[in-house]
Amino acid sequence: MVTVRRGGSVAIGADGQVSLGSTVLKSDAVKLRRLADGKVLTGFAGSTADAIALFERFEAKLKEFPRNLPRAATELAKEWRTDRALRRLEAMLIAVDAEHTLLLSGTGDVLQPSDGILGIGSGGPYAVAAARALLRHTNLSAVEIVREALRVAAELDVYTNENIVVEEIACSS
């Protein structure tokens, strides 16, 4: 999964592969969700069931702290880290809105990259490297960069496939 900001939009994309060890269980999973009436895009890497539980809790936090993605993310991360059951969840989330790009983890991290590019999952580092190069050396849109970066990751990482889904919203940068 990777997200990129460029030219007044933020795009987030994910492949569709779900693996168990070295076995592909599903090749067309949808790992992205729109929350907060479509104003927040989220995606996950890790355990699917754990991510669904986190999406539900995150949506509740977004309702509790409307129009404040960093606060909702921080509150979820605190709960995730301290709650006995949530602590066992094995997933990571990316959340983006018009102003913020955030990584949320079970260790209490809520991180915002300085360049607006973020990747998670086994293919994340490859996708981030490709996205940075494409951002620097092309005029491609955020959606095009995300799609191409994930294609590069799929060529390098056996746990990433080319069944790519990309979502986009308008942003302030």
C-alpha atoms as a PDB file:
ATOM      1  CA  MET A   1       0.000   0.000   0.000  1.00  0.00           C
ATOM      2  CA  VAL A   2       1.200   3.500  -0.822  1.00  0.00           C
ATOM      3  CA  THR A   3      -0.134   7.046  -0.691  1.00  0.00           C
ATOM      4  CA  VAL A   4       1.049  10.163  -2.540  1.00  0.00           C
ATOM      5  CA  ARG A   5       0.063  13.856  -2.528  1.00  0.00           C
ATOM      6  CA  ARG A   6       0.445  15.895  -5.695  1.00  0.00           C
ATOM      7  CA  GLY A   7      -1.314  18.603  -7.633  1.00  0.00           C
ATOM      8  CA  GLY A   8      -4.276  19.159  -5.361  1.00  0.00           C
ATOM      9  CA  SER A   9      -5.079  15.510  -4.733  1.00  0.00           C
ATOM     10  CA  VAL A  10      -4.049  12.692  -2.461  1.00  0.00           C
ATOM     11  CA  ALA A  11      -4.229   9.125  -3.741  1.00  0.00           C
ATOM     12  CA  ILE A  12      -3.965   5.887  -1.839  1.00  0.00           C
ATOM     13  CA  GLY A  13      -3.663   2.475  -3.430  1.00  0.00           C
ATOM     14  CA  ALA A  14      -3.371  -1.136  -2.467  1.00  0.00           C
ATOM     15  CA  ASP A  15      -2.896  -4.456  -4.141  1.00  0.00           C
ATOM     16  CA  GLY A  16      -5.398  -7.255  -3.625  1.00  0.00           C
ATOM     17  CA  GLN A  17      -3.247 -10.081  -2.316  1.00  0.00           C
ATOM     18  CA  VAL A  18      -3.960 -11.789   0.980  1.00  0.00           C
ATOM     19  CA  SER A  19      -1.381 -14.407   1.923  1.00  0.00           C
ATOM     20  CA  LEU A  20      -1.042 -16.985   4.655  1.00  0.00           C
ATOM     21  CA  GLY A  21       2.613 -17.861   4.869  1.00  0.00           C
ATOM     22  CA  SER A  22       3.687 -18.593   1.312  1.00  0.00           C
ATOM     23  CA  THR A  23       0.150 -19.334   0.080  1.00  0.00           C
ATOM     24  CA  VAL A  24      -2.032 -16.790  -1.715  1.00  0.00           C
ATOM     25  CA  LEU A  25      -5.515 -17.064  -0.203  1.00  0.00           C
ATOM     26  CA  LYS A  26      -7.152 -14.227  -2.108  1.00  0.00           C
ATOM     27  CA  SER A  27      -5.941 -12.090  -4.980  1.00  0.00           C
ATOM     28  CA  ASP A  28      -8.687  -9.451  -5.136  1.00  0.00           C
ATOM     29  CA  ALA A  29      -9.179  -8.234  -1.570  1.00  0.00           C
ATOM     30  CA  VAL A  30     -10.162  -4.594  -1.114  1.00  0.00           C
ATOM     31  CA  LYS A  31      -7.856  -3.083   1.495  1.00  0.00           C
ATOM     32  CA  LEU A  32      -9.132   0.498   1.233  1.00  0.00           C
ATOM     33  CA  ARG A  33     -12.095   2.197   2.901  1.00  0.00           C
ATOM     34  CA  ARG A  34     -13.669   5.623   2.792  1.00  0.00           C
ATOM     35  CA  LEU A  35     -14.651   6.917   6.237  1.00  0.00           C
ATOM     36  CA  ALA A  36     -16.171  10.135   7.588  1.00  0.00           C
ATOM     37  CA  ASP A  37     -18.576  10.545   4.675  1.00  0.00           C
ATOM     38  CA  GLY A  38     -15.758   9.970   2.172  1.00  0.00           C
ATOM     39  CA  LYS A  39     -13.494  12.692   3.570  1.00  0.00           C
ATOM     40  CA  VAL A  40     -10.968  10.211   5.000  1.00  0.00           C
ATOM     41  CA  LEU A  41      -9.341   7.411   3.018  1.00  0.00           C
ATOM     42  CA  THR A  42      -7.863   4.507   4.943  1.00  0.00           C
ATOM     43  CA  GLY A  43      -6.010   1.363   4.048  1.00  0.00           C
ATOM     44  CA  PHE A  44      -4.408  -1.516   5.893  1.00  0.00           C
ATOM     45  CA  ALA A  45      -1.640  -4.040   5.796  1.00  0.00           C
ATOM     46  CA  GLY A  46      -1.590  -7.126   7.982  1.00  0.00           C
ATOM     47  CA  SER A  47      -4.365  -9.311   9.295  1.00  0.00           C
ATOM     48  CA  THR A  48      -7.664  -8.658   7.498  1.00  0.00           C
ATOM     49  CA  ALA A  49      -9.897  -9.388  10.483  1.00  0.00           C
ATOM     50  CA  ASP A  50      -7.750  -7.180  12.707  1.00  0.00           C
ATOM     51  CA  ALA A  51      -7.890  -4.359  10.169  1.00  0.00           C
ATOM     52  CA  ILE A  52     -11.683  -4.543   9.985  1.00  0.00           C
ATOM     53  CA  ALA A  53     -11.873  -4.244  13.770  1.00  0.00           C
ATOM     54  CA  LEU A  54      -9.545  -1.235  13.606  1.00  0.00           C
ATOM     55  CA  PHE A  55     -11.557   0.409  10.808  1.00  0.00           C
ATOM     56  CA  GLU A  56     -14.687   0.185  12.981  1.00  0.00           C
ATOM     57  CA  ARG A  57     -12.953   1.715  15.996  1.00  0.00           C
ATOM     58  CA  PHE A  58     -11.310   4.366  13.854  1.00  0.00           C
ATOM     59  CA  GLU A  59     -14.654   5.356  12.348  1.00  0.00           C
ATOM     60  CA  ALA A  60     -16.017   5.789  15.879  1.00  0.00           C
ATOM     61  CA  LYS A  61     -13.047   8.022  16.761  1.00  0.00           C
ATOM     62  CA  LEU A  62     -13.628  10.099  13.623  1.00  0.00           C
ATOM     63  CA  LYS A  63     -17.239  10.627  14.724  1.00  0.00           C
ATOM     64  CA  GLU A  64     -16.044  11.587  18.197  1.00  0.00           C
ATOM     65  CA  PHE A  65     -13.487  14.054  16.776  1.00  0.00           C
ATOM     66  CA  PRO A  66     -14.997  15.259  13.482  1.00  0.00           C
ATOM     67  CA  ARG A  67     -12.729  17.195  11.112  1.00  0.00           C
ATOM     68  CA  ASN A  68      -9.707  16.347  13.299  1.00  0.00           C
ATOM     69  CA  LEU A  69      -7.932  13.365  11.758  1.00  0.00           C
ATOM     70  CA  PRO A  70      -4.752  13.698  13.868  1.00  0.00           C
ATOM     71  CA  ARG A  71      -6.733  13.681  17.120  1.00  0.00           C
ATOM     72  CA  ALA A  72      -8.898  10.730  16.070  1.00  0.00           C
ATOM     73  CA  ALA A  73      -5.760   8.831  14.999  1.00  0.00           C
ATOM     74  CA  THR A  74      -3.966   9.602  18.258  1.00  0.00           C
ATOM     75  CA  GLU A  75      -6.942   8.467  20.324  1.00  0.00           C
ATOM     76  CA  LEU A  76      -7.168   5.219  18.330  1.00  0.00           C
ATOM     77  CA  ALA A  77      -3.416   4.612  18.710  1.00  0.00           C
ATOM     78  CA  LYS A  78      -3.618   5.148  22.486  1.00  0.00           C
ATOM     79  CA  GLU A  79      -6.540   2.737  22.775  1.00  0.00           C
ATOM     80  CA  TRP A  80      -4.844   0.251  20.455  1.00  0.00           C
ATOM     81  CA  ARG A  81      -1.681   0.266  22.551  1.00  0.00           C
ATOM     82  CA  THR A  82      -3.309   0.080  25.980  1.00  0.00           C
ATOM     83  CA  ASP A  83      -6.374  -2.139  25.437  1.00  0.00           C
ATOM     84  CA  ARG A  84      -5.642  -5.750  26.295  1.00  0.00           C
ATOM     85  CA  ALA A  85      -7.499  -7.224  23.295  1.00  0.00           C
ATOM     86  CA  LEU A  86      -6.491  -4.549  20.771  1.00  0.00           C
ATOM     87  CA  ARG A  87      -2.811  -4.917  21.661  1.00  0.00           C
ATOM     88  CA  ARG A  88      -2.848  -8.307  19.984  1.00  0.00           C
ATOM     89  CA  LEU A  89      -4.078  -6.978  16.645  1.00  0.00           C
ATOM     90  CA  GLU A  90      -1.574  -7.349  13.843  1.00  0.00           C
ATOM     91  CA  ALA A  91      -2.201  -4.638  11.284  1.00  0.00           C
ATOM     92  CA  MET A  92      -1.087  -1.154  10.304  1.00  0.00           C
ATOM     93  CA  LEU A  93      -3.240   1.635   8.933  1.00  0.00           C
ATOM     94  CA  ILE A  94      -2.700   4.594   6.653  1.00  0.00           C
ATOM     95  CA  ALA A  95      -5.230   7.406   6.930  1.00  0.00           C
ATOM     96  CA  VAL A  96      -5.374  10.473   4.685  1.00  0.00           C
ATOM     97  CA  ASP A  97      -7.613  13.499   4.415  1.00  0.00           C
ATOM     98  CA  ALA A  98      -7.330  16.851   2.658  1.00  0.00           C
ATOM     99  CA  GLU A  99      -4.529  17.966   4.995  1.00  0.00           C
ATOM    100  CA  HIS A 100      -2.880  14.950   6.629  1.00  0.00           C
ATOM    101  CA  THR A 101      -1.174  11.674   5.761  1.00  0.00           C
ATOM    102  CA  LEU A 102      -0.834   9.449   8.832  1.00  0.00           C
ATOM    103  CA  LEU A 103       0.570   6.035   9.698  1.00  0.00           C
ATOM    104  CA  LEU A 104      -1.024   4.316  12.688  1.00  0.00           C
ATOM    105  CA  SER A 105       0.464   1.292  14.418  1.00  0.00           C
ATOM    106  CA  GLY A 106      -0.235  -0.873  17.427  1.00  0.00           C
ATOM    107  CA  THR A 107       2.886   0.392  19.152  1.00  0.00           C
ATOM    108  CA  GLY A 108       1.263   3.793  19.546  1.00  0.00           C
ATOM    109  CA  ASP A 109       2.803   5.419  16.495  1.00  0.00           C
ATOM    110  CA  VAL A 110       0.981   8.192  14.662  1.00  0.00           C
ATOM    111  CA  LEU A 111       3.494   9.413  12.105  1.00  0.00           C
ATOM    112  CA  GLN A 112       3.203  11.978   9.320  1.00  0.00           C
ATOM    113  CA  PRO A 113       5.802  11.790   6.541  1.00  0.00           C
ATOM    114  CA  SER A 114       7.437  15.072   5.564  1.00  0.00           C
ATOM    115  CA  ASP A 115       7.058  14.410   1.829  1.00  0.00           C
ATOM    116  CA  GLY A 116       3.454  13.126   1.778  1.00  0.00           C
ATOM    117  CA  ILE A 117       4.520   9.647   0.659  1.00  0.00           C
ATOM    118  CA  LEU A 118       3.878   6.663   2.879  1.00  0.00           C
ATOM    119  CA  GLY A 119       3.881   2.906   2.332  1.00  0.00           C
ATOM    120  CA  ILE A 120       3.067  -0.119   4.463  1.00  0.00           C
ATOM    121  CA  GLY A 121       3.024  -3.858   3.985  1.00  0.00           C
ATOM    122  CA  SER A 122       5.686  -6.094   2.536  1.00  0.00           C
ATOM    123  CA  GLY A 123       5.763  -4.160  -0.741  1.00  0.00           C
ATOM    124  CA  GLY A 124       5.554  -0.756   0.956  1.00  0.00           C
ATOM    125  CA  PRO A 125       9.264   0.114   0.877  1.00  0.00           C
ATOM    126  CA  TYR A 126       9.480  -0.715  -2.838  1.00  0.00           C
ATOM    127  CA  ALA A 127       6.371   1.329  -3.597  1.00  0.00           C
ATOM    128  CA  VAL A 128       7.681   4.296  -1.584  1.00  0.00           C
ATOM    129  CA  ALA A 129      11.014   4.246  -3.431  1.00  0.00           C
ATOM    130  CA  ALA A 130       9.263   4.098  -6.798  1.00  0.00           C
ATOM    131  CA  ALA A 131       6.792   6.837  -5.797  1.00  0.00           C
ATOM    132  CA  ARG A 132       9.577   9.176  -4.689  1.00  0.00           C
ATOM    133  CA  ALA A 133      11.429   8.704  -7.963  1.00  0.00           C
ATOM    134  CA  LEU A 134       8.265   9.232 -10.001  1.00  0.00           C
ATOM    135  CA  LEU A 135       7.323  12.322  -8.001  1.00  0.00           C
ATOM    136  CA  ARG A 136      10.770  13.851  -8.563  1.00  0.00           C
ATOM    137  CA  HIS A 137      11.224  12.972 -12.218  1.00  0.00           C
ATOM    138  CA  THR A 138       7.783  12.943 -13.857  1.00  0.00           C
ATOM    139  CA  ASN A 139       4.654  15.019 -14.152  1.00  0.00           C
ATOM    140  CA  LEU A 140       2.359  12.067 -13.419  1.00  0.00           C
ATOM    141  CA  SER A 141      -0.692  12.671 -11.227  1.00  0.00           C
ATOM    142  CA  ALA A 142      -0.932  11.288  -7.697  1.00  0.00           C
ATOM    143  CA  VAL A 143      -3.204   8.473  -8.937  1.00  0.00           C
ATOM    144  CA  GLU A 144      -0.798   7.566 -11.741  1.00  0.00           C
ATOM    145  CA  ILE A 145       2.190   7.587  -9.372  1.00  0.00           C
ATOM    146  CA  VAL A 146       0.406   5.344  -6.853  1.00  0.00           C
ATOM    147  CA  ARG A 147      -0.634   2.876  -9.551  1.00  0.00           C
ATOM    148  CA  GLU A 148       2.842   2.706 -11.117  1.00  0.00           C
ATOM    149  CA  ALA A 149       4.610   2.499  -7.731  1.00  0.00           C
ATOM    150  CA  LEU A 150       2.444  -0.487  -6.792  1.00  0.00           C
ATOM    151  CA  ARG A 151       3.212  -2.132 -10.134  1.00  0.00           C
ATOM    152  CA  VAL A 152       6.930  -1.786  -9.371  1.00  0.00           C
ATOM    153  CA  ALA A 153       6.377  -3.261  -5.896  1.00  0.00           C
ATOM    154  CA  ALA A 154       4.477  -6.199  -7.425  1.00  0.00           C
ATOM    155  CA  GLU A 155       7.464  -6.929  -9.681  1.00  0.00           C
ATOM    156  CA  LEU A 156       9.775  -7.139  -6.655  1.00  0.00           C
ATOM    157  CA  ASP A 157       7.700  -8.503  -3.771  1.00  0.00           C
ATOM    158  CA  VAL A 158       6.076 -11.948  -3.900  1.00  0.00           C
ATOM    159  CA  TYR A 159       3.415 -10.826  -1.385  1.00  0.00           C
ATOM    160  CA  THR A 160       2.208  -7.997  -3.649  1.00  0.00           C
ATOM    161  CA  ASN A 161       0.121  -8.516  -6.778  1.00  0.00           C
ATOM    162  CA  GLU A 162      -1.007  -6.304  -9.651  1.00  0.00           C
ATOM    163  CA  ASN A 163      -4.700  -6.282  -8.740  1.00  0.00           C
ATOM    164  CA  ILE A 164      -4.496  -2.605  -7.774  1.00  0.00           C
ATOM    165  CA  VAL A 165      -7.262  -0.394  -6.390  1.00  0.00           C
ATOM    166  CA  VAL A 166      -6.664   3.373  -6.084  1.00  0.00           C
ATOM    167  CA  GLU A 167      -8.845   5.978  -4.356  1.00  0.00           C
ATOM    168  CA  GLU A 168      -8.401   9.750  -4.503  1.00  0.00           C
ATOM    169  CA  ILE A 169      -9.659  12.884  -2.768  1.00  0.00           C
ATOM    170  CA  ALA A 170      -8.907  16.562  -3.230  1.00  0.00           C
ATOM    171  CA  CYS A 171      -6.287  17.971  -0.897  1.00  0.00           C
ATOM    172  CA  SER A 172      -4.750  21.245   0.116  1.00  0.00           C
ATOM    173  CA  SER A 173      -1.211  20.488  -1.105  1.00  0.00           C
END
